[in-house]
């Protein structure tokens, strides 16, 4: 069966990923050049997930996609409900790998930090491809957000993370992204690592802070005219888009999930809410709930 593939602009060809043909990504051809060194990760039924080194990472020369590790997600089968959801719910896609590729691209376009999609392959099918594969660049240094909040006691670090969390929720809300069990999909990239090459390119981990607000003689705020400085925030990373979709979703469910999972205090929750929306009535409703 014929196979279609798509490469990110940062990937010159399939050989940069250690593949000779698109079927190698699907698992129906030869093994990837570095697949013998791959780590198999837990995955849902019908999905195989491998953490694979790029050529040149462990030995040899890089092939044009840099060095490091990638996550290879191979989809072998899916329940009818999942196939119909991917085909007819936004973003409409013709394979499960295409669905996740489209979600990651939409999230990144909205300023949400995610692993970078590098390659997509799927069998040609008139309705929906049963076999498909997605390659994502693995983000190194990212800690599971549940672990980070459970182990971090520094009040300043927690306040900054809550602010970054609220800004991420604001972007998810603006883009109508619905990611069930959001808390389990989040990671934290600490401030010290936020300027690394695989962090966000659009400075979405930076917050512009007002140091001196100018006012008119009547006292109205005139905005950020002077005294601005930049403060580095930890990156909040959406590590997994599986099962997500784009629709108008209830933000309160995300806040309830985050508060209970991360054991946020009342003041920390307020910080998240105030960064999520500027709508005073919406803030009051969420905080009352």
Protein backbone atom coordinates (compact mmCIF):
# COMPACT_ATOMS: atom_id res chain seq x y z
CA UNK A 1 0.00 0.00 0.00
CA UNK A 2 1.27 3.47 -0.89
CA UNK A 3 2.47 5.73 1.91
CA UNK A 4 2.38 9.52 2.15
CA UNK A 5 4.73 11.48 4.38
CA UNK A 6 5.29 15.06 5.47
CA UNK A 7 8.46 16.57 6.93
CA UNK A 8 8.95 19.72 8.97
CA UNK A 9 11.10 22.37 7.32
CA UNK A 10 13.86 21.62 9.84
CA UNK A 11 14.11 18.02 8.55
CA UNK A 12 15.80 17.89 5.12
CA UNK A 13 14.87 14.28 4.28
CA UNK A 14 13.93 10.93 5.78
CA UNK A 15 17.58 9.93 6.22
CA UNK A 16 17.93 12.71 8.82
CA UNK A 17 15.62 10.59 10.98
CA UNK A 18 17.45 7.36 10.22
CA UNK A 19 14.81 6.13 7.74
CA UNK A 20 15.25 5.03 4.14
CA UNK A 21 11.55 5.08 3.31
CA UNK A 22 8.33 6.29 4.89
CA UNK A 23 7.41 2.66 5.66
CA UNK A 24 10.32 2.59 8.12
CA UNK A 25 8.48 5.15 10.24
CA UNK A 26 5.30 3.06 10.10
CA UNK A 27 7.10 -0.09 11.18
CA UNK A 28 6.14 -1.93 7.99
CA UNK A 29 9.56 -1.46 6.36
CA UNK A 30 13.09 -1.75 7.69
CA UNK A 31 13.99 -0.66 11.19
CA UNK A 32 15.24 2.86 11.69
CA UNK A 33 19.01 3.16 11.68
CA UNK A 34 19.07 3.86 15.44
CA UNK A 35 16.02 1.82 16.44
CA UNK A 36 18.21 -0.77 18.17
CA UNK A 37 19.07 1.91 20.75
CA UNK A 38 15.44 2.97 21.21
CA UNK A 39 13.59 2.94 24.51
CA UNK A 40 10.05 1.56 24.43
CA UNK A 41 7.58 3.71 26.40
CA UNK A 42 4.16 2.81 27.81
CA UNK A 43 1.31 3.50 25.38
CA UNK A 44 -2.39 2.97 24.88
CA UNK A 45 -3.74 -0.04 22.94
CA UNK A 46 -2.98 0.08 19.23
CA UNK A 47 -0.11 2.55 19.68
CA UNK A 48 3.62 1.88 19.90
CA UNK A 49 5.84 4.64 21.33
CA UNK A 50 9.63 4.58 20.97
CA UNK A 51 12.18 7.11 22.21
CA UNK A 52 14.79 7.01 19.48
CA UNK A 53 18.16 8.83 19.16
CA UNK A 54 18.64 10.85 16.01
CA UNK A 55 21.58 9.82 13.82
CA UNK A 56 24.72 11.45 15.21
CA UNK A 57 23.47 11.54 18.80
CA UNK A 58 25.29 8.45 20.05
CA UNK A 59 27.80 8.04 17.23
CA UNK A 60 28.45 9.20 13.72
CA UNK A 61 27.54 12.52 12.14
CA UNK A 62 24.18 14.30 12.30
CA UNK A 63 22.15 14.16 9.10
CA UNK A 64 20.64 17.63 9.10
CA UNK A 65 18.03 17.43 11.89
CA UNK A 66 20.49 18.01 14.72
CA UNK A 67 21.12 15.62 17.57
CA UNK A 68 18.98 14.50 20.49
CA UNK A 69 16.07 12.14 20.89
CA UNK A 70 12.70 11.89 19.19
CA UNK A 71 9.43 10.23 20.14
CA UNK A 72 8.13 7.93 17.43
CA UNK A 73 4.41 7.20 17.78
CA UNK A 74 3.21 4.35 15.56
CA UNK A 75 -0.55 3.84 15.26
CA UNK A 76 -1.57 0.32 14.24
CA UNK A 77 -5.29 0.31 14.96
CA UNK A 78 -7.95 2.41 16.62
CA UNK A 79 -11.53 1.91 17.82
CA UNK A 80 -14.24 3.07 15.43
CA UNK A 81 -15.17 5.92 17.78
CA UNK A 82 -11.61 7.30 17.70
CA UNK A 83 -11.47 7.07 13.91
CA UNK A 84 -14.79 8.87 13.50
CA UNK A 85 -13.77 11.56 15.99
CA UNK A 86 -10.52 12.18 14.14
CA UNK A 87 -12.28 12.27 10.77
CA UNK A 88 -15.22 14.50 11.65
CA UNK A 89 -14.25 16.57 14.72
CA UNK A 90 -12.00 19.60 14.42
CA UNK A 91 -9.18 19.41 13.44
CA UNK A 92 -10.48 16.94 10.83
CA UNK A 93 -7.76 14.47 9.87
CA UNK A 94 -7.36 11.32 7.80
CA UNK A 95 -5.25 9.37 10.32
CA UNK A 96 -4.57 9.39 14.05
CA UNK A 97 -1.03 10.63 13.48
CA UNK A 98 -2.36 13.44 11.28
CA UNK A 99 -4.81 14.36 14.01
CA UNK A 100 -2.02 14.80 16.57
CA UNK A 101 0.20 16.59 14.03
CA UNK A 102 -2.60 19.10 13.37
CA UNK A 103 -3.22 19.59 17.09
CA UNK A 104 0.46 20.21 17.86
CA UNK A 105 0.73 22.69 14.99
CA UNK A 106 -2.39 24.55 16.15
CA UNK A 107 -1.18 24.61 19.76
CA UNK A 108 2.22 25.97 18.77
CA UNK A 109 0.63 28.59 16.52
CA UNK A 110 -1.39 29.70 19.57
CA UNK A 111 1.81 30.17 21.60
CA UNK A 112 1.53 26.94 23.63
CA UNK A 113 4.85 25.15 24.18
CA UNK A 114 4.84 21.53 22.93
CA UNK A 115 7.30 19.01 21.54
CA UNK A 116 8.01 20.00 17.93
CA UNK A 117 6.40 17.77 15.26
CA UNK A 118 9.12 16.64 12.85
CA UNK A 119 7.58 14.04 10.53
CA UNK A 120 4.27 12.41 9.66
CA UNK A 121 3.59 9.25 7.64
CA UNK A 122 0.37 7.37 6.87
CA UNK A 123 -0.91 4.76 4.47
CA UNK A 124 -2.97 6.12 1.61
CA UNK A 125 -6.65 5.39 2.20
CA UNK A 126 -9.77 7.02 0.71
CA UNK A 127 -11.40 7.51 4.13
CA UNK A 128 -9.06 6.88 7.08
CA UNK A 129 -5.60 5.35 7.30
CA UNK A 130 -5.29 2.46 9.74
CA UNK A 131 -1.51 2.75 9.98
CA UNK A 132 0.25 6.05 10.59
CA UNK A 133 3.25 7.44 12.46
CA UNK A 134 4.26 10.73 14.07
CA UNK A 135 7.76 11.88 15.01
CA UNK A 136 8.15 14.50 17.76
CA UNK A 137 11.35 16.04 19.08
CA UNK A 138 11.68 15.00 22.70
CA UNK A 139 12.01 17.97 25.05
CA UNK A 140 14.85 17.31 27.47
CA UNK A 141 14.78 18.74 30.97
CA UNK A 142 10.98 18.84 31.23
CA UNK A 143 9.64 17.61 34.57
CA UNK A 144 6.16 16.24 35.05
CA UNK A 145 4.11 19.14 36.44
CA UNK A 146 2.48 16.97 39.10
CA UNK A 147 5.91 15.99 40.42
CA UNK A 148 7.25 19.53 40.17
CA UNK A 149 4.39 21.06 42.21
CA UNK A 150 4.55 18.22 44.77
CA UNK A 151 8.30 18.68 45.34
CA UNK A 152 8.73 22.45 44.99
CA UNK A 153 8.39 24.47 48.21
CA UNK A 154 10.00 27.72 47.09
CA UNK A 155 7.13 30.30 47.20
CA UNK A 156 8.66 32.49 44.47
CA UNK A 157 9.19 29.56 42.11
CA UNK A 158 5.61 28.39 42.71
CA UNK A 159 4.20 31.89 42.12
CA UNK A 160 6.06 32.18 38.83
CA UNK A 161 4.93 28.70 37.77
CA UNK A 162 1.31 29.58 38.62
CA UNK A 163 1.55 32.72 36.52
CA UNK A 164 3.01 30.75 33.61
CA UNK A 165 0.29 28.13 34.10
CA UNK A 166 -2.39 30.82 33.89
CA UNK A 167 -0.87 32.25 30.70
CA UNK A 168 -0.89 28.76 29.16
CA UNK A 169 -4.55 28.29 30.12
CA UNK A 170 -5.33 31.65 28.52
CA UNK A 171 -3.82 30.46 25.24
CA UNK A 172 -5.67 27.16 25.42
CA UNK A 173 -8.91 29.03 26.11
CA UNK A 174 -8.36 31.51 23.28
CA UNK A 175 -7.76 28.65 20.83
CA UNK A 176 -10.71 26.55 22.09
CA UNK A 177 -8.41 23.60 22.79
CA UNK A 178 -10.03 20.75 24.70
CA UNK A 179 -7.40 18.46 26.27
CA UNK A 180 -9.04 16.01 28.69
CA UNK A 181 -7.15 15.36 31.96
CA UNK A 182 -5.04 18.42 31.30
CA UNK A 183 -3.00 18.17 34.52
CA UNK A 184 -1.52 14.83 33.44
CA UNK A 185 -0.38 16.37 30.13
CA UNK A 186 1.63 19.26 31.54
CA UNK A 187 5.34 19.57 32.20
CA UNK A 188 7.54 22.28 33.66
CA UNK A 189 10.75 23.49 32.04
CA UNK A 190 12.53 25.45 34.79
CA UNK A 191 13.72 29.02 34.24
CA UNK A 192 17.35 27.95 33.92
CA UNK A 193 16.48 25.78 30.91
CA UNK A 194 13.94 28.06 29.25
CA UNK A 195 16.45 29.68 26.88
CA UNK A 196 17.58 26.38 25.35
CA UNK A 197 17.14 25.79 21.59
CA UNK A 198 14.15 23.45 22.04
CA UNK A 199 12.19 25.95 24.13
CA UNK A 200 9.55 28.18 22.56
CA UNK A 201 10.84 30.41 19.78
CA UNK A 202 8.20 33.08 20.25
CA UNK A 203 9.23 34.21 23.76
CA UNK A 204 5.96 32.94 25.19
CA UNK A 205 7.86 32.10 28.39
CA UNK A 206 8.61 35.78 28.94
CA UNK A 207 6.36 38.15 30.84
CA UNK A 208 6.49 41.89 30.42
CA UNK A 209 6.20 43.46 33.87
CA UNK A 210 5.20 47.05 34.57
CA UNK A 211 7.69 48.78 36.84
CA UNK A 212 6.30 52.29 36.59
CA UNK A 213 2.83 53.03 35.21
CA UNK A 214 2.27 56.51 33.84
CA UNK A 215 -1.01 58.22 34.63
CA UNK A 216 -2.86 61.23 33.35
CA UNK A 217 -3.56 64.19 35.65
CA UNK A 218 -6.99 62.65 36.28
CA UNK A 219 -5.44 59.40 37.39
CA UNK A 220 -6.25 57.19 34.38
CA UNK A 221 -3.67 54.57 33.57
CA UNK A 222 -1.93 55.38 30.29
CA UNK A 223 -0.34 52.00 29.87
CA UNK A 224 3.20 50.67 29.69
CA UNK A 225 4.93 53.83 28.52
CA UNK A 226 8.20 53.46 30.43
CA UNK A 227 9.98 51.47 33.11
CA UNK A 228 9.46 48.07 31.48
CA UNK A 229 11.57 45.03 32.29
CA UNK A 230 11.46 41.37 31.30
CA UNK A 231 11.17 38.51 33.75
CA UNK A 232 11.91 34.91 32.87
CA UNK A 233 9.18 32.46 33.76
CA UNK A 234 9.33 28.67 33.78
CA UNK A 235 7.82 27.18 30.64
CA UNK A 236 4.62 25.17 31.01
CA UNK A 237 4.73 22.48 28.34
CA UNK A 238 1.82 20.49 26.91
CA UNK A 239 3.61 17.17 26.50
CA UNK A 240 0.75 15.15 25.01
CA UNK A 241 -2.07 16.07 22.61
CA UNK A 242 -3.55 12.57 22.19
CA UNK A 243 -7.34 12.55 22.30
CA UNK A 244 -7.55 16.34 22.17
CA UNK A 245 -9.75 18.42 19.92
CA UNK A 246 -10.67 22.00 19.16
CA UNK A 247 -14.02 23.12 20.49
CA UNK A 248 -15.45 25.61 22.95
CA UNK A 249 -14.65 23.78 26.21
CA UNK A 250 -15.41 24.68 29.82
CA UNK A 251 -12.30 26.23 31.39
CA UNK A 252 -13.59 25.58 34.90
CA UNK A 253 -13.05 21.83 34.45
CA UNK A 254 -9.36 22.51 33.75
CA UNK A 255 -9.05 24.72 36.82
CA UNK A 256 -10.69 22.11 39.06
CA UNK A 257 -8.36 19.46 37.64
CA UNK A 258 -5.26 21.59 38.16
CA UNK A 259 -6.17 22.73 41.68
CA UNK A 260 -6.81 19.21 42.94
CA UNK A 261 -3.89 17.55 41.14
CA UNK A 262 -1.27 20.20 41.93
CA UNK A 263 -2.66 20.96 45.43
CA UNK A 264 -2.73 24.69 44.71
CA UNK A 265 -3.47 27.04 47.58
CA UNK A 266 -6.25 29.60 47.34
CA UNK A 267 -3.76 32.38 46.61
CA UNK A 268 -2.02 30.26 43.95
CA UNK A 269 -5.32 29.48 42.30
CA UNK A 270 -6.15 33.19 42.25
CA UNK A 271 -2.82 33.84 40.52
CA UNK A 272 -3.65 31.22 37.87
CA UNK A 273 -7.16 32.62 37.34
CA UNK A 274 -5.99 36.25 37.07
CA UNK A 275 -3.43 35.26 34.41
CA UNK A 276 -6.02 33.20 32.53
CA UNK A 277 -8.62 35.90 31.93
CA UNK A 278 -9.04 39.66 32.28
CA UNK A 279 -12.84 39.27 32.53
CA UNK A 280 -13.65 40.29 36.12
CA UNK A 281 -17.00 38.50 36.16
CA UNK A 282 -15.45 35.31 34.78
CA UNK A 283 -12.77 35.48 37.47
CA UNK A 284 -15.39 35.83 40.19
CA UNK A 285 -17.42 32.87 38.86
CA UNK A 286 -14.35 30.60 38.71
CA UNK A 287 -13.14 31.60 42.16
CA UNK A 288 -16.59 31.17 43.72
CA UNK A 289 -16.78 27.70 42.19
